[in-house]
Protein backbone atom coordinates (compact mmCIF):
# COMPACT_ATOMS: atom_id res chain seq x y z
CA MET A 1 -59.24 73.57 169.02
CA VAL A 2 -56.31 75.34 167.37
CA GLU A 3 -54.73 72.76 165.07
CA ILE A 4 -55.55 69.55 163.21
CA GLY A 5 -52.91 67.22 161.83
CA CYS A 6 -53.20 63.81 160.19
CA ILE A 7 -50.81 61.60 158.27
CA GLU A 8 -51.88 58.61 156.22
CA LEU A 9 -50.37 55.17 156.70
CA GLU A 10 -50.49 52.40 154.14
CA ASN A 11 -49.42 48.97 155.39
CA LEU A 12 -48.14 50.82 158.47
CA VAL A 13 -45.81 53.00 156.37
CA PRO A 14 -46.50 56.75 156.00
CA THR A 15 -47.56 57.88 152.55
CA LYS A 16 -47.07 61.46 151.37
CA LYS A 17 -50.72 62.27 152.12
CA THR A 18 -51.23 64.59 155.06
CA PHE A 19 -53.88 66.95 156.36
CA HIS A 20 -52.81 69.93 158.41
CA CYS A 21 -54.17 73.32 159.33
CA TYR A 22 -54.09 75.88 162.12
CA LEU A 23 -57.47 77.05 163.33
CA ASN A 24 -58.91 80.25 164.69
CA PRO A 25 -60.62 79.11 167.92
CA GLU A 26 -62.62 82.36 168.00
CA THR A 27 -61.73 82.75 171.66
CA LYS A 28 -58.74 83.77 173.75
CA VAL A 29 -56.05 81.16 174.36
CA SER A 30 -55.46 80.38 178.02
CA GLU A 31 -51.98 80.63 179.50
CA LYS A 32 -51.98 76.88 180.15
CA ALA A 33 -52.88 76.13 176.51
CA LEU A 34 -50.23 78.56 175.29
CA GLU A 35 -47.60 76.66 177.29
CA VAL A 36 -48.67 73.43 175.58
CA HIS A 37 -48.81 74.48 171.91
CA GLY A 38 -47.12 77.90 171.81
CA TYR A 39 -49.67 79.52 169.45
CA THR A 40 -50.50 83.10 170.39
CA ASP A 41 -53.85 84.85 170.03
CA ASP A 42 -52.35 87.09 167.34
CA PHE A 43 -51.18 84.10 165.29
CA LEU A 44 -54.41 82.12 165.65
CA SER A 45 -56.67 85.09 164.90
CA LYS A 46 -55.27 85.08 161.34
CA GLN A 47 -56.08 81.41 160.71
CA ILE A 48 -59.15 79.84 159.13
CA LYS A 49 -62.14 78.66 161.14
CA PHE A 50 -63.07 75.02 161.58
CA ILE A 51 -66.27 75.38 159.56
CA GLU A 52 -64.15 76.37 156.53
CA ILE A 53 -62.14 73.14 156.49
CA ALA A 54 -64.55 70.66 158.09
CA ASP A 55 -65.60 69.04 154.81
CA LYS A 56 -62.00 68.65 153.61
CA PHE A 57 -61.04 67.09 156.93
CA LEU A 58 -63.98 64.67 156.84
CA ASP A 59 -63.10 63.72 153.25
CA PHE A 60 -59.52 62.99 154.30
CA ILE A 61 -60.53 60.61 157.09
CA ASN A 62 -63.49 59.08 155.26
CA GLY A 63 -63.44 55.28 155.46
CA LYS A 64 -60.15 55.19 157.33
CA ARG A 65 -59.20 53.76 160.69
CA LEU A 66 -58.10 56.54 163.02
CA VAL A 67 -55.11 56.02 165.31
CA ILE A 68 -55.24 58.53 168.16
CA HIS A 69 -53.39 58.87 171.46
CA ASN A 70 -56.08 59.51 174.08
CA ALA A 71 -58.86 59.19 171.53
CA GLU A 72 -61.66 60.03 173.96
CA PHE A 73 -60.19 63.48 174.56
CA ASP A 74 -59.52 64.34 170.91
CA LEU A 75 -62.81 62.98 169.62
CA SER A 76 -64.81 64.85 172.25
CA HIS A 77 -63.37 68.13 170.95
CA LEU A 78 -63.75 67.19 167.28
CA ASN A 79 -67.31 65.98 167.71
CA ASN A 80 -68.22 69.09 169.67
CA GLU A 81 -66.93 71.29 166.84
CA LEU A 82 -68.81 69.19 164.30
CA ASN A 83 -71.99 69.46 166.34
CA LEU A 84 -71.67 73.24 166.50
CA ILE A 85 -71.74 73.44 162.70
CA GLY A 86 -74.55 70.90 162.31
CA LYS A 87 -72.52 67.88 161.24
CA SER A 88 -72.64 64.30 162.49
CA LYS A 89 -70.16 62.79 164.92
CA ILE A 90 -67.15 60.89 163.63
CA LYS A 91 -68.07 57.23 163.21
CA ASN A 92 -64.75 55.86 161.98
CA GLU A 93 -63.12 52.84 163.54
CA VAL A 94 -60.72 54.20 166.16
CA VAL A 95 -57.57 52.74 167.70
CA ASP A 96 -56.62 54.43 170.96
CA THR A 97 -52.87 54.01 171.45
CA LEU A 98 -53.20 55.24 175.03
CA ALA A 99 -55.40 52.22 175.79
CA LEU A 100 -52.99 49.91 173.94
CA ALA A 101 -50.06 51.24 175.94
CA ARG A 102 -51.97 50.99 179.23
CA ASP A 103 -52.74 47.33 178.57
CA LYS A 104 -49.20 46.55 177.50
CA TYR A 105 -47.35 48.51 180.19
CA PRO A 106 -49.64 48.72 183.24
CA GLY A 107 -48.35 51.11 185.86
CA SER A 108 -45.74 52.67 183.56
CA PRO A 109 -45.75 56.18 182.03
CA ILE A 110 -47.64 56.03 178.74
CA ASN A 111 -47.65 59.58 177.42
CA LEU A 112 -46.18 60.08 173.96
CA ASP A 113 -42.78 61.22 175.23
CA ALA A 114 -42.50 58.22 177.56
CA LEU A 115 -43.37 55.80 174.77
CA CYS A 116 -40.86 57.43 172.43
CA LYS A 117 -38.20 56.95 175.10
CA ARG A 118 -39.21 53.31 175.62
CA TYR A 119 -38.88 52.57 171.90
CA SER A 120 -35.78 54.75 171.33
CA ILE A 121 -37.68 57.04 168.97
CA ASP A 122 -36.07 60.45 168.46
CA ASN A 123 -38.51 63.09 169.71
CA THR A 124 -36.09 66.00 170.03
CA LYS A 125 -38.14 68.03 167.51
CA ARG A 126 -41.11 67.88 169.86
CA THR A 127 -40.51 71.05 171.86
CA LYS A 128 -44.25 71.84 171.82
CA HIS A 129 -47.45 69.88 171.31
CA THR A 130 -47.64 70.32 167.53
CA ALA A 131 -49.94 68.20 165.40
CA LEU A 132 -47.83 66.87 162.51
CA ILE A 133 -44.78 66.14 164.66
CA ASP A 134 -47.02 64.30 167.10
CA CYS A 135 -48.58 62.35 164.22
CA ASP A 136 -45.19 61.25 162.95
CA LEU A 137 -44.07 60.14 166.41
CA LEU A 138 -47.36 58.39 167.11
CA ALA A 139 -47.11 56.43 163.86
CA LYS A 140 -43.76 55.06 165.00
CA VAL A 141 -45.03 54.34 168.51
CA TYR A 142 -48.12 52.60 167.13
CA ILE A 143 -46.07 50.22 165.00
CA ASN A 144 -44.00 49.29 168.03
CA LEU A 145 -47.08 48.81 170.19
CA LEU A 146 -48.49 46.30 167.72
CA ASP A 147 -45.75 43.76 168.32
CA GLN A 148 -43.96 42.72 171.49
CA LYS A 149 -40.67 42.33 169.61
CA GLU A 150 -40.91 45.96 168.55
CA PRO A 151 -40.51 46.01 164.75
CA ARG A 152 -38.66 49.11 163.66
CA LEU A 153 -39.31 50.92 160.39
CA ASP A 154 -37.02 53.23 158.49
CA PHE A 155 -39.47 56.02 157.70
CA LYS A 156 -36.89 57.88 155.60
CA ASN A 157 -37.21 55.23 152.90
CA SER A 158 -41.01 55.40 152.63
CA GLU A 159 -40.71 56.53 149.00
CA ASN A 160 -39.06 53.27 147.96
CA SER A 161 -40.89 50.51 146.17
CA ALA A 162 -43.23 48.20 148.05
CA GLN A 163 -40.65 45.44 147.78
CA ASP A 164 -37.97 47.65 149.28
CA LYS A 165 -40.30 48.52 152.13
CA SER A 166 -40.84 44.87 152.81
CA ASP A 167 -37.18 43.91 152.62
CA LYS A 168 -35.46 46.91 154.23
CA ASN A 169 -37.84 48.94 156.34
CA ILE A 170 -39.24 46.14 158.44
CA LEU A 171 -36.34 44.68 160.35
CA TYR A 172 -38.49 42.22 162.25
CA PHE A 173 -41.02 40.09 160.43
CA LYS A 174 -43.18 37.18 161.52
CA LYS A 175 -43.42 34.57 158.79
CA VAL A 176 -46.74 32.74 158.90
CA ILE A 177 -46.70 29.25 157.38
CA THR A 178 -49.93 27.42 156.64
CA PRO A 179 -49.54 23.61 156.77
CA SER A 180 -50.98 21.47 153.98
CA GLU A 181 -53.80 18.98 154.59
CA ASP A 182 -51.33 16.10 154.34
CA GLU A 183 -49.05 17.71 156.92
CA LEU A 184 -51.99 18.27 159.27
CA LYS A 185 -53.06 14.64 158.90
CA LYS A 186 -49.56 13.33 159.65
CA HIS A 187 -49.25 15.67 162.62
CA LYS A 188 -52.56 14.45 164.03
CA GLU A 189 -51.50 10.82 163.61
CA TYR A 190 -48.20 11.58 165.32
CA LEU A 191 -49.93 13.21 168.28
CA ASN A 192 -52.42 10.36 168.66
CA ASN A 193 -49.71 7.68 168.58
CA ASN A 194 -47.25 9.47 170.85
CA LEU A 195 -49.74 10.80 173.37
CA LYS A 196 -51.15 7.31 173.90
CA LYS A 197 -47.67 5.85 174.15
CA ASN A 198 -46.30 8.41 176.59
CA TYR A 199 -49.27 9.18 178.82
CA PHE A 200 -51.83 6.41 178.70
CA ASN A 201 -49.79 3.17 178.47
């Protein structure tokens, strides 16, 4: 494990709170891994070790739902590192966006790049597998995965007021209306009268 990155969402909009660090894996980086993230042995050897930031990381995610693309893979590595330093496994509620995408688009490519393309999300900054960039892209993908009509958020305006976020950032919004008791009663009477008239007489 060579890098950890997290961004916090509030009401599906990124806050300014992030957690990010490079890690010294205390082992040589394979050529395959180097192709993925681009971090050399020389660079990583100068970084902190996981045990030095574990508590801060656990504090950051404490009580929060975790949204992860391919959660089983990431959590297996995180929990292994935690086990090595005598700490408990992560027990947070987890949303696996890979599973969400697989259910929604069976048979289609569902890696992060493919989902960005599907939702017209700009991923040109993603030249390597880097944590914070991936977090930002995944946040946008996750919001789109939650709704079939693909609500789009303007993440550049996340510093605006809550009202502005509601009015401007969310371009698609489902309005939920709860009928009154009187309306429910009249609707029931209407159904009873018309169903009998149309189908049983």
